[in-house]
Amino acid sequence: MQADVKSDAPGAVATGLTLAELPFGFEAVLDRLDLPEDVARRLMELGFVPGHAVAAAHSAPGGDPRVFRVDGSEIALRRETAARIHVRTSPRP
């Protein structure tokens, strides 16, 4: 079973990005987690909740894992996990 948790954040624009594709230093809004239910639940406990902002921080040498800032914390995710978390970028004013 997979958890497909989705947000309809106002003002967000769908871009088809995943966290794995989010460039360093950019911020986006979490859209959905396309992960097994237990993994999605654990990530949500850590702050990866649809509708919340997430920023791409640094990565380990070689690029995996990558670190993301969410809900005041820095969380490292493997690329295979980050590739299944979908985000939206906010339009710039």
PDB file of N, CA and C in Angstrom:
ATOM      1  N   MET A   1       0.839  -1.166   0.000  1.00  0.00           N
ATOM      2  CA  MET A   1       0.000   0.000   0.000  1.00  0.00           C
ATOM      3  C   MET A   1       0.890   1.236   0.000  1.00  0.00           C
ATOM      4  N   GLN A   2       0.494   2.252  -0.765  1.00  0.00           N
ATOM      5  CA  GLN A   2       1.258   3.481  -0.816  1.00  0.00           C
ATOM      6  C   GLN A   2       0.407   4.634  -0.315  1.00  0.00           C
ATOM      7  N   ALA A   3       1.059   5.577   0.364  1.00  0.00           N
ATOM      8  CA  ALA A   3       0.386   6.789   0.812  1.00  0.00           C
ATOM      9  C   ALA A   3       0.587   7.831  -0.261  1.00  0.00           C
ATOM     10  N   ASP A   4      -0.498   8.345  -0.776  1.00  0.00           N
ATOM     11  CA  ASP A   4      -0.434   9.401  -1.778  1.00  0.00           C
ATOM     12  C   ASP A   4      -1.102  10.610  -1.156  1.00  0.00           C
ATOM     13  N   VAL A   5      -0.376  11.282  -0.291  1.00  0.00           N
ATOM     14  CA  VAL A   5      -0.900  12.411   0.455  1.00  0.00           C
ATOM     15  C   VAL A   5      -0.661  13.654  -0.373  1.00  0.00           C
ATOM     16  N   LYS A   6      -1.718  14.439  -0.642  1.00  0.00           N
ATOM     17  CA  LYS A   6      -1.612  15.573  -1.533  1.00  0.00           C
ATOM     18  C   LYS A   6      -2.119  16.836  -0.878  1.00  0.00           C
ATOM     19  N   SER A   7      -1.551  17.970  -1.294  1.00  0.00           N
ATOM     20  CA  SER A   7      -1.959  19.280  -0.799  1.00  0.00           C
ATOM     21  C   SER A   7      -2.368  20.154  -1.965  1.00  0.00           C
ATOM     22  N   ASP A   8      -3.351  20.997  -1.741  1.00  0.00           N
ATOM     23  CA  ASP A   8      -3.730  22.013  -2.711  1.00  0.00           C
ATOM     24  C   ASP A   8      -3.394  23.363  -2.116  1.00  0.00           C
ATOM     25  N   ALA A   9      -2.105  23.618  -1.923  1.00  0.00           N
ATOM     26  CA  ALA A   9      -1.650  24.858  -1.307  1.00  0.00           C
ATOM     27  C   ALA A   9      -2.010  26.042  -2.189  1.00  0.00           C
ATOM     28  N   PRO A  10      -2.663  27.072  -1.618  1.00  0.00           N
ATOM     29  CA  PRO A  10      -3.026  28.225  -2.419  1.00  0.00           C
ATOM     30  C   PRO A  10      -1.785  28.960  -2.902  1.00  0.00           C
ATOM     31  N   GLY A  11      -1.814  29.411  -4.149  1.00  0.00           N
ATOM     32  CA  GLY A  11      -0.705  30.177  -4.693  1.00  0.00           C
ATOM     33  C   GLY A  11       0.446  29.337  -5.204  1.00  0.00           C
ATOM     34  N   ALA A  12       0.360  28.028  -5.052  1.00  0.00           N
ATOM     35  CA  ALA A  12       1.449  27.172  -5.524  1.00  0.00           C
ATOM     36  C   ALA A  12       1.202  26.804  -6.982  1.00  0.00           C
ATOM     37  N   VAL A  13       2.267  26.606  -7.699  1.00  0.00           N
ATOM     38  CA  VAL A  13       2.182  26.260  -9.110  1.00  0.00           C
ATOM     39  C   VAL A  13       2.827  24.904  -9.310  1.00  0.00           C
ATOM     40  N   ALA A  14       2.105  23.978  -9.927  1.00  0.00           N
ATOM     41  CA  ALA A  14       2.654  22.649 -10.167  1.00  0.00           C
ATOM     42  C   ALA A  14       3.807  22.749 -11.158  1.00  0.00           C
ATOM     43  N   THR A  15       4.900  22.111 -10.843  1.00  0.00           N
ATOM     44  CA  THR A  15       6.056  22.150 -11.728  1.00  0.00           C
ATOM     45  C   THR A  15       6.537  20.758 -12.086  1.00  0.00           C
ATOM     46  N   GLY A  16       6.004  19.734 -11.458  1.00  0.00           N
ATOM     47  CA  GLY A  16       6.443  18.381 -11.736  1.00  0.00           C
ATOM     48  C   GLY A  16       7.788  18.035 -11.137  1.00  0.00           C
ATOM     49  N   LEU A  17       8.239  18.818 -10.163  1.00  0.00           N
ATOM     50  CA  LEU A  17       9.523  18.564  -9.514  1.00  0.00           C
ATOM     51  C   LEU A  17       9.392  17.559  -8.380  1.00  0.00           C
ATOM     52  N   THR A  18      10.487  16.871  -8.132  1.00  0.00           N
ATOM     53  CA  THR A  18      10.602  16.069  -6.923  1.00  0.00           C
ATOM     54  C   THR A  18      11.683  16.707  -6.062  1.00  0.00           C
ATOM     55  N   LEU A  19      11.763  16.299  -4.810  1.00  0.00           N
ATOM     56  CA  LEU A  19      12.819  16.824  -3.949  1.00  0.00           C
ATOM     57  C   LEU A  19      14.200  16.511  -4.518  1.00  0.00           C
ATOM     58  N   ALA A  20      14.351  15.384  -5.157  1.00  0.00           N
ATOM     59  CA  ALA A  20      15.650  15.017  -5.728  1.00  0.00           C
ATOM     60  C   ALA A  20      16.073  15.999  -6.813  1.00  0.00           C
ATOM     61  N   GLU A  21      15.115  16.652  -7.463  1.00  0.00           N
ATOM     62  CA  GLU A  21      15.401  17.589  -8.550  1.00  0.00           C
ATOM     63  C   GLU A  21      15.473  19.038  -8.086  1.00  0.00           C
ATOM     64  N   LEU A  22      15.083  19.313  -6.854  1.00  0.00           N
ATOM     65  CA  LEU A  22      15.070  20.681  -6.346  1.00  0.00           C
ATOM     66  C   LEU A  22      16.503  21.189  -6.213  1.00  0.00           C
ATOM     67  N   PRO A  23      16.835  22.295  -6.903  1.00  0.00           N
ATOM     68  CA  PRO A  23      18.210  22.802  -6.853  1.00  0.00           C
ATOM     69  C   PRO A  23      18.610  23.291  -5.463  1.00  0.00           C
ATOM     70  N   PHE A  24      19.892  23.206  -5.178  1.00  0.00           N
ATOM     71  CA  PHE A  24      20.457  23.670  -3.918  1.00  0.00           C
ATOM     72  C   PHE A  24      20.038  25.120  -3.664  1.00  0.00           C
ATOM     73  N   GLY A  25      19.571  25.376  -2.436  1.00  0.00           N
ATOM     74  CA  GLY A  25      19.203  26.722  -2.034  1.00  0.00           C
ATOM     75  C   GLY A  25      17.790  27.134  -2.392  1.00  0.00           C
ATOM     76  N   PHE A  26      17.074  26.343  -3.174  1.00  0.00           N
ATOM     77  CA  PHE A  26      15.714  26.680  -3.557  1.00  0.00           C
ATOM     78  C   PHE A  26      14.719  26.134  -2.540  1.00  0.00           C
ATOM     79  N   GLU A  27      13.585  26.805  -2.448  1.00  0.00           N
ATOM     80  CA  GLU A  27      12.509  26.387  -1.556  1.00  0.00           C
ATOM     81  C   GLU A  27      11.285  26.042  -2.381  1.00  0.00           C
ATOM     82  N   ALA A  28      10.533  25.074  -1.914  1.00  0.00           N
ATOM     83  CA  ALA A  28       9.306  24.652  -2.581  1.00  0.00           C
ATOM     84  C   ALA A  28       8.290  24.248  -1.514  1.00  0.00           C
ATOM     85  N   VAL A  29       7.075  23.963  -1.963  1.00  0.00           N
ATOM     86  CA  VAL A  29       6.003  23.509  -1.080  1.00  0.00           C
ATOM     87  C   VAL A  29       5.784  22.027  -1.337  1.00  0.00           C
ATOM     88  N   LEU A  30       5.752  21.251  -0.272  1.00  0.00           N
ATOM     89  CA  LEU A  30       5.517  19.809  -0.416  1.00  0.00           C
ATOM     90  C   LEU A  30       4.124  19.587  -0.986  1.00  0.00           C
ATOM     91  N   ASP A  31       4.043  18.757  -2.015  1.00  0.00           N
ATOM     92  CA  ASP A  31       2.772  18.470  -2.665  1.00  0.00           C
ATOM     93  C   ASP A  31       2.242  17.102  -2.260  1.00  0.00           C
ATOM     94  N   ARG A  32       3.058  16.070  -2.482  1.00  0.00           N
ATOM     95  CA  ARG A  32       2.610  14.723  -2.100  1.00  0.00           C
ATOM     96  C   ARG A  32       3.791  13.790  -1.895  1.00  0.00           C
ATOM     97  N   LEU A  33       3.551  12.782  -1.097  1.00  0.00           N
ATOM     98  CA  LEU A  33       4.549  11.756  -0.816  1.00  0.00           C
ATOM     99  C   LEU A  33       4.072  10.469  -1.474  1.00  0.00           C
ATOM    100  N   ASP A  34       4.784  10.009  -2.460  1.00  0.00           N
ATOM    101  CA  ASP A  34       4.428   8.792  -3.184  1.00  0.00           C
ATOM    102  C   ASP A  34       5.304   7.660  -2.657  1.00  0.00           C
ATOM    103  N   LEU A  35       5.059   7.307  -1.396  1.00  0.00           N
ATOM    104  CA  LEU A  35       5.900   6.353  -0.670  1.00  0.00           C
ATOM    105  C   LEU A  35       5.023   5.339   0.050  1.00  0.00           C
ATOM    106  N   PRO A  36       5.606   4.213   0.436  1.00  0.00           N
ATOM    107  CA  PRO A  36       4.848   3.271   1.260  1.00  0.00           C
ATOM    108  C   PRO A  36       4.326   3.984   2.513  1.00  0.00           C
ATOM    109  N   GLU A  37       3.179   3.571   2.971  1.00  0.00           N
ATOM    110  CA  GLU A  37       2.497   4.249   4.076  1.00  0.00           C
ATOM    111  C   GLU A  37       3.368   4.428   5.319  1.00  0.00           C
ATOM    112  N   ASP A  38       4.119   3.401   5.708  1.00  0.00           N
ATOM    113  CA  ASP A  38       4.938   3.513   6.915  1.00  0.00           C
ATOM    114  C   ASP A  38       6.060   4.541   6.745  1.00  0.00           C
ATOM    115  N   VAL A  39       6.654   4.603   5.564  1.00  0.00           N
ATOM    116  CA  VAL A  39       7.718   5.573   5.299  1.00  0.00           C
ATOM    117  C   VAL A  39       7.129   6.981   5.257  1.00  0.00           C
ATOM    118  N   ALA A  40       6.000   7.138   4.561  1.00  0.00           N
ATOM    119  CA  ALA A  40       5.342   8.449   4.482  1.00  0.00           C
ATOM    120  C   ALA A  40       4.952   8.939   5.869  1.00  0.00           C
ATOM    121  N   ARG A  41       4.439   8.059   6.703  1.00  0.00           N
ATOM    122  CA  ARG A  41       4.033   8.440   8.057  1.00  0.00           C
ATOM    123  C   ARG A  41       5.239   8.931   8.862  1.00  0.00           C
ATOM    124  N   ARG A  42       6.363   8.231   8.762  1.00  0.00           N
ATOM    125  CA  ARG A  42       7.563   8.628   9.499  1.00  0.00           C
ATOM    126  C   ARG A  42       8.079   9.983   9.013  1.00  0.00           C
ATOM    127  N   LEU A  43       8.100  10.184   7.703  1.00  0.00           N
ATOM    128  CA  LEU A  43       8.553  11.472   7.174  1.00  0.00           C
ATOM    129  C   LEU A  43       7.620  12.605   7.600  1.00  0.00           C
ATOM    130  N   MET A  44       6.336  12.332   7.648  1.00  0.00           N
ATOM    131  CA  MET A  44       5.388  13.349   8.101  1.00  0.00           C
ATOM    132  C   MET A  44       5.632  13.688   9.567  1.00  0.00           C
ATOM    133  N   GLU A  45       6.004  12.709  10.376  1.00  0.00           N
ATOM    134  CA  GLU A  45       6.348  12.964  11.774  1.00  0.00           C
ATOM    135  C   GLU A  45       7.571  13.879  11.876  1.00  0.00           C
ATOM    136  N   LEU A  46       8.450  13.818  10.873  1.00  0.00           N
ATOM    137  CA  LEU A  46       9.658  14.644  10.852  1.00  0.00           C
ATOM    138  C   LEU A  46       9.406  16.026  10.241  1.00  0.00           C
ATOM    139  N   GLY A  47       8.196  16.269   9.735  1.00  0.00           N
ATOM    140  CA  GLY A  47       7.862  17.584   9.203  1.00  0.00           C
ATOM    141  C   GLY A  47       7.560  17.624   7.720  1.00  0.00           C
ATOM    142  N   PHE A  48       7.707  16.514   7.011  1.00  0.00           N
ATOM    143  CA  PHE A  48       7.422  16.481   5.580  1.00  0.00           C
ATOM    144  C   PHE A  48       5.916  16.319   5.362  1.00  0.00           C
ATOM    145  N   VAL A  49       5.200  17.389   5.650  1.00  0.00           N
ATOM    146  CA  VAL A  49       3.742  17.388   5.571  1.00  0.00           C
ATOM    147  C   VAL A  49       3.323  18.191   4.341  1.00  0.00           C
ATOM    148  N   PRO A  50       2.446  17.646   3.493  1.00  0.00           N
ATOM    149  CA  PRO A  50       1.988  18.398   2.330  1.00  0.00           C
ATOM    150  C   PRO A  50       1.483  19.784   2.737  1.00  0.00           C
ATOM    151  N   GLY A  51       1.912  20.781   1.958  1.00  0.00           N
ATOM    152  CA  GLY A  51       1.556  22.158   2.241  1.00  0.00           C
ATOM    153  C   GLY A  51       2.643  22.924   2.982  1.00  0.00           C
ATOM    154  N   HIS A  52       3.608  22.212   3.560  1.00  0.00           N
ATOM    155  CA  HIS A  52       4.707  22.863   4.275  1.00  0.00           C
ATOM    156  C   HIS A  52       5.863  23.168   3.322  1.00  0.00           C
ATOM    157  N   ALA A  53       6.629  24.192   3.674  1.00  0.00           N
ATOM    158  CA  ALA A  53       7.795  24.576   2.873  1.00  0.00           C
ATOM    159  C   ALA A  53       8.967  23.651   3.167  1.00  0.00           C
ATOM    160  N   VAL A  54       9.757  23.403   2.132  1.00  0.00           N
ATOM    161  CA  VAL A  54      10.977  22.604   2.260  1.00  0.00           C
ATOM    162  C   VAL A  54      12.053  23.268   1.396  1.00  0.00           C
ATOM    163  N   ALA A  55      13.277  23.278   1.890  1.00  0.00           N
ATOM    164  CA  ALA A  55      14.388  23.881   1.151  1.00  0.00           C
ATOM    165  C   ALA A  55      15.496  22.853   0.959  1.00  0.00           C
ATOM    166  N   ALA A  56      16.098  22.887  -0.215  1.00  0.00           N
ATOM    167  CA  ALA A  56      17.223  21.998  -0.500  1.00  0.00           C
ATOM    168  C   ALA A  56      18.479  22.607   0.106  1.00  0.00           C
ATOM    169  N   ALA A  57      19.119  21.868   0.990  1.00  0.00           N
ATOM    170  CA  ALA A  57      20.346  22.334   1.635  1.00  0.00           C
ATOM    171  C   ALA A  57      21.530  21.641   0.964  1.00  0.00           C
ATOM    172  N   HIS A  58      22.483  21.212   1.729  1.00  0.00           N
ATOM    173  CA  HIS A  58      23.700  20.602   1.184  1.00  0.00           C
ATOM    174  C   HIS A  58      23.534  19.108   0.945  1.00  0.00           C
ATOM    175  N   SER A  59      24.570  18.508   0.386  1.00  0.00           N
ATOM    176  CA  SER A  59      24.541  17.064   0.165  1.00  0.00           C
ATOM    177  C   SER A  59      25.890  16.480   0.559  1.00  0.00           C
ATOM    178  N   ALA A  60      25.896  15.191   0.742  1.00  0.00           N
ATOM    179  CA  ALA A  60      27.133  14.481   1.062  1.00  0.00           C
ATOM    180  C   ALA A  60      28.015  14.451  -0.187  1.00  0.00           C
ATOM    181  N   PRO A  61      29.304  14.205  -0.019  1.00  0.00           N
ATOM    182  CA  PRO A  61      30.161  14.050  -1.196  1.00  0.00           C
ATOM    183  C   PRO A  61      29.590  12.957  -2.097  1.00  0.00           C
ATOM    184  N   GLY A  62      29.513  13.229  -3.365  1.00  0.00           N
ATOM    185  CA  GLY A  62      28.906  12.277  -4.291  1.00  0.00           C
ATOM    186  C   GLY A  62      27.429  12.537  -4.502  1.00  0.00           C
ATOM    187  N   GLY A  63      26.835  13.420  -3.699  1.00  0.00           N
ATOM    188  CA  GLY A  63      25.451  13.827  -3.902  1.00  0.00           C
ATOM    189  C   GLY A  63      24.383  13.004  -3.203  1.00  0.00           C
ATOM    190  N   ASP A  64      24.749  11.984  -2.453  1.00  0.00           N
ATOM    191  CA  ASP A  64      23.727  11.158  -1.806  1.00  0.00           C
ATOM    192  C   ASP A  64      24.214  10.749  -0.422  1.00  0.00           C
ATOM    193  N   PRO A  65      23.500  11.009   0.645  1.00  0.00           N
ATOM    194  CA  PRO A  65      22.175  11.626   0.698  1.00  0.00           C
ATOM    195  C   PRO A  65      22.244  13.146   0.584  1.00  0.00           C
ATOM    196  N   ARG A  66      21.048  13.736   0.382  1.00  0.00           N
ATOM    197  CA  ARG A  66      20.904  15.188   0.361  1.00  0.00           C
ATOM    198  C   ARG A  66      20.209  15.616   1.635  1.00  0.00           C
ATOM    199  N   VAL A  67      20.495  16.847   2.048  1.00  0.00           N
ATOM    200  CA  VAL A  67      19.898  17.392   3.261  1.00  0.00           C
ATOM    201  C   VAL A  67      18.855  18.428   2.860  1.00  0.00           C
ATOM    202  N   PHE A  68      17.698  18.351   3.535  1.00  0.00           N
ATOM    203  CA  PHE A  68      16.602  19.286   3.288  1.00  0.00           C
ATOM    204  C   PHE A  68      16.215  19.938   4.602  1.00  0.00           C
ATOM    205  N   ARG A  69      15.867  21.208   4.537  1.00  0.00           N
ATOM    206  CA  ARG A  69      15.386  21.933   5.715  1.00  0.00           C
ATOM    207  C   ARG A  69      13.861  21.945   5.665  1.00  0.00           C
ATOM    208  N   VAL A  70      13.278  21.454   6.737  1.00  0.00           N
ATOM    209  CA  VAL A  70      11.820  21.428   6.837  1.00  0.00           C
ATOM    210  C   VAL A  70      11.434  21.581   8.298  1.00  0.00           C
ATOM    211  N   ASP A  71      10.471  22.439   8.548  1.00  0.00           N
ATOM    212  CA  ASP A  71       9.924  22.624   9.892  1.00  0.00           C
ATOM    213  C   ASP A  71      11.010  22.886  10.940  1.00  0.00           C
ATOM    214  N   GLY A  72      12.033  23.684  10.561  1.00  0.00           N
ATOM    215  CA  GLY A  72      13.078  24.058  11.504  1.00  0.00           C
ATOM    216  C   GLY A  72      14.159  23.015  11.728  1.00  0.00           C
ATOM    217  N   SER A  73      14.129  21.933  10.990  1.00  0.00           N
ATOM    218  CA  SER A  73      15.124  20.867  11.145  1.00  0.00           C
ATOM    219  C   SER A  73      15.800  20.585   9.813  1.00  0.00           C
ATOM    220  N   GLU A  74      16.960  19.968   9.885  1.00  0.00           N
ATOM    221  CA  GLU A  74      17.641  19.484   8.692  1.00  0.00           C
ATOM    222  C   GLU A  74      17.562  17.964   8.684  1.00  0.00           C
ATOM    223  N   ILE A  75      17.044  17.420   7.591  1.00  0.00           N
ATOM    224  CA  ILE A  75      16.823  15.985   7.476  1.00  0.00           C
ATOM    225  C   ILE A  75      17.537  15.489   6.214  1.00  0.00           C
ATOM    226  N   ALA A  76      18.325  14.427   6.353  1.00  0.00           N
ATOM    227  CA  ALA A  76      19.003  13.824   5.203  1.00  0.00           C
ATOM    228  C   ALA A  76      18.130  12.712   4.634  1.00  0.00           C
ATOM    229  N   LEU A  77      17.964  12.744   3.313  1.00  0.00           N
ATOM    230  CA  LEU A  77      17.189  11.715   2.615  1.00  0.00           C
ATOM    231  C   LEU A  77      18.020  11.142   1.476  1.00  0.00           C
ATOM    232  N   ARG A  78      17.884   9.864   1.263  1.00  0.00           N
ATOM    233  CA  ARG A  78      18.522   9.243   0.105  1.00  0.00           C
ATOM    234  C   ARG A  78      17.809   9.718  -1.150  1.00  0.00           C
ATOM    235  N   ARG A  79      18.555   9.751  -2.234  1.00  0.00           N
ATOM    236  CA  ARG A  79      18.005  10.227  -3.514  1.00  0.00           C
ATOM    237  C   ARG A  79      16.769   9.422  -3.924  1.00  0.00           C
ATOM    238  N   GLU A  80      16.772   8.116  -3.690  1.00  0.00           N
ATOM    239  CA  GLU A  80      15.631   7.282  -4.091  1.00  0.00           C
ATOM    240  C   GLU A  80      14.363   7.654  -3.323  1.00  0.00           C
ATOM    241  N   THR A  81      14.506   8.097  -2.083  1.00  0.00           N
ATOM    242  CA  THR A  81      13.348   8.561  -1.304  1.00  0.00           C
ATOM    243  C   THR A  81      12.931   9.948  -1.767  1.00  0.00           C
ATOM    244  N   ALA A  82      13.895  10.854  -1.917  1.00  0.00           N
ATOM    245  CA  ALA A  82      13.599  12.228  -2.344  1.00  0.00           C
ATOM    246  C   ALA A  82      12.930  12.259  -3.715  1.00  0.00           C
ATOM    247  N   ALA A  83      13.229  11.284  -4.564  1.00  0.00           N
ATOM    248  CA  ALA A  83      12.654  11.233  -5.911  1.00  0.00           C
ATOM    249  C   ALA A  83      11.167  10.873  -5.891  1.00  0.00           C
ATOM    250  N   ARG A  84      10.654  10.451  -4.746  1.00  0.00           N
ATOM    251  CA  ARG A  84       9.234  10.068  -4.648  1.00  0.00           C
ATOM    252  C   ARG A  84       8.435  11.063  -3.817  1.00  0.00           C
ATOM    253  N   ILE A  85       9.069  12.206  -3.518  1.00  0.00           N
ATOM    254  CA  ILE A  85       8.382  13.279  -2.797  1.00  0.00           C
ATOM    255  C   ILE A  85       8.228  14.439  -3.776  1.00  0.00           C
ATOM    256  N   HIS A  86       7.000  14.760  -4.105  1.00  0.00           N
ATOM    257  CA  HIS A  86       6.702  15.765  -5.123  1.00  0.00           C
ATOM    258  C   HIS A  86       6.489  17.132  -4.476  1.00  0.00           C
ATOM    259  N   VAL A  87       6.995  18.168  -5.158  1.00  0.00           N
ATOM    260  CA  VAL A  87       6.914  19.530  -4.645  1.00  0.00           C
ATOM    261  C   VAL A  87       6.385  20.470  -5.720  1.00  0.00           C
ATOM    262  N   ARG A  88       5.972  21.654  -5.265  1.00  0.00           N
ATOM    263  CA  ARG A  88       5.552  22.748  -6.145  1.00  0.00           C
ATOM    264  C   ARG A  88       6.388  23.963  -5.788  1.00  0.00           C
ATOM    265  N   THR A  89       6.733  24.750  -6.767  1.00  0.00           N
ATOM    266  CA  THR A  89       7.422  25.997  -6.484  1.00  0.00           C
ATOM    267  C   THR A  89       6.384  27.100  -6.399  1.00  0.00           C
ATOM    268  N   SER A  90       6.663  28.081  -5.573  1.00  0.00           N
ATOM    269  CA  SER A  90       5.758  29.217  -5.427  1.00  0.00           C
ATOM    270  C   SER A  90       6.087  30.244  -6.499  1.00  0.00           C
ATOM    271  N   PRO A  91       5.081  30.884  -7.045  1.00  0.00           N
ATOM    272  CA  PRO A  91       5.360  31.924  -8.025  1.00  0.00           C
ATOM    273  C   PRO A  91       6.036  33.111  -7.361  1.00  0.00           C
ATOM    274  N   ARG A  92       6.983  33.714  -8.036  1.00  0.00           N
ATOM    275  CA  ARG A  92       7.673  34.879  -7.498  1.00  0.00           C
ATOM    276  C   ARG A  92       6.829  36.123  -7.754  1.00  0.00           C
ATOM    277  N   PRO A  93       6.763  37.037  -6.747  1.00  0.00           N
ATOM    278  CA  PRO A  93       5.958  38.262  -6.927  1.00  0.00           C
ATOM    279  C   PRO A  93       6.562  39.184  -7.954  1.00  0.00           C
TER     280      PRO A  93
END
